[in-house]
Protein backbone atom coordinates (compact mmCIF):
# COMPACT_ATOMS: atom_id res chain seq x y z
CA MET A 1 19.75 -6.37 17.78
CA ALA A 2 21.56 -4.22 20.15
CA VAL A 3 19.99 -1.22 21.30
CA THR A 4 20.85 0.83 24.51
CA PRO A 5 18.18 2.59 25.80
CA ASN A 6 18.06 5.99 27.28
CA ARG A 7 15.84 5.04 29.87
CA THR A 8 13.98 1.94 30.81
CA PHE A 9 10.22 1.49 32.35
CA ASP A 10 9.27 -1.91 34.10
CA ALA A 11 5.98 -2.30 33.66
CA SER A 12 6.27 -6.18 34.96
CA GLY A 13 2.81 -7.21 37.01
CA LEU A 14 0.87 -4.37 34.98
CA SER A 15 -2.63 -5.60 33.00
CA CYS A 16 -3.76 -4.06 30.06
CA PRO A 17 -4.71 -1.46 29.20
CA LEU A 18 -1.61 0.14 31.97
CA PRO A 19 1.17 -1.06 30.38
CA ILE A 20 0.43 0.93 27.30
CA VAL A 21 -1.29 4.11 29.64
CA LYS A 22 1.99 4.16 31.37
CA THR A 23 4.39 3.85 28.41
CA LYS A 24 2.91 6.99 26.99
CA LYS A 25 3.28 8.95 30.04
CA GLU A 26 7.01 7.60 30.17
CA ILE A 27 7.73 8.52 26.20
CA ASP A 28 5.98 11.79 26.76
CA THR A 29 8.90 13.00 28.94
CA MET A 30 11.33 12.07 26.67
CA ASN A 31 13.33 13.73 23.75
CA SER A 32 12.66 13.09 20.16
CA GLU A 33 14.87 10.19 19.18
CA GLU A 34 15.80 8.65 22.66
CA ILE A 35 14.80 5.06 23.31
CA LEU A 36 12.79 3.29 26.02
CA GLU A 37 13.08 0.28 26.89
CA VAL A 38 9.88 -1.54 28.38
CA ILE A 39 9.47 -4.82 30.19
CA SER A 40 6.26 -6.11 30.51
CA THR A 41 4.60 -9.70 31.66
CA ASP A 42 1.73 -8.78 30.13
CA PRO A 43 1.47 -11.32 27.03
CA GLY A 44 -1.09 -9.05 25.16
CA SER A 45 1.22 -6.36 25.25
CA LYS A 46 3.29 -7.91 22.48
CA ASN A 47 0.14 -6.72 19.76
CA ASP A 48 -0.40 -3.61 22.08
CA MET A 49 3.21 -2.34 21.74
CA VAL A 50 2.97 -2.88 18.18
CA ALA A 51 -0.46 -1.19 17.45
CA TRP A 52 0.15 1.83 19.90
CA CYS A 53 3.64 2.37 17.83
CA ASN A 54 2.32 2.23 14.68
CA ARG A 55 -0.84 4.66 15.60
CA THR A 56 1.46 7.15 17.51
CA GLY A 57 4.24 7.25 15.09
CA ASN A 58 6.78 6.03 17.74
CA LYS A 59 9.17 3.23 16.18
CA LEU A 60 9.45 -0.30 17.90
CA LEU A 61 12.97 -1.23 17.21
CA ASP A 62 12.86 -4.26 18.61
CA SER A 63 11.24 -6.76 21.16
CA VAL A 64 12.29 -9.54 22.70
CA GLU A 65 11.04 -12.50 24.96
CA GLU A 66 12.77 -14.44 27.64
CA SER A 67 11.91 -15.50 30.67
CA GLY A 68 8.22 -15.04 30.82
CA LYS A 69 8.88 -10.92 30.07
CA PHE A 70 8.47 -9.07 27.09
CA LYS A 71 11.29 -6.34 26.30
CA PHE A 72 10.31 -3.33 24.05
CA TYR A 73 12.89 -1.00 22.30
CA ILE A 74 10.93 2.02 21.45
CA GLN A 75 12.22 5.24 20.01
CA LYS A 76 10.20 8.33 20.64
CA SER A 77 9.36 9.94 16.93
């Protein structure tokens, strides 16, 4: 799936819960329907991002794992 983000947030090197906390802060500054790309190196972020999106109503459009990094594409509700 080709997703073009409006903004990218690099959470590489951050451990739980910081990727989620900082993703929330970043998405709070965006407009509805905009897409945030989040890059994380924390393996726990795979489950955390899914749960966070389900809880907040933001839409996880796609997630990709490549070279030890996890990329998430989240559309603000």
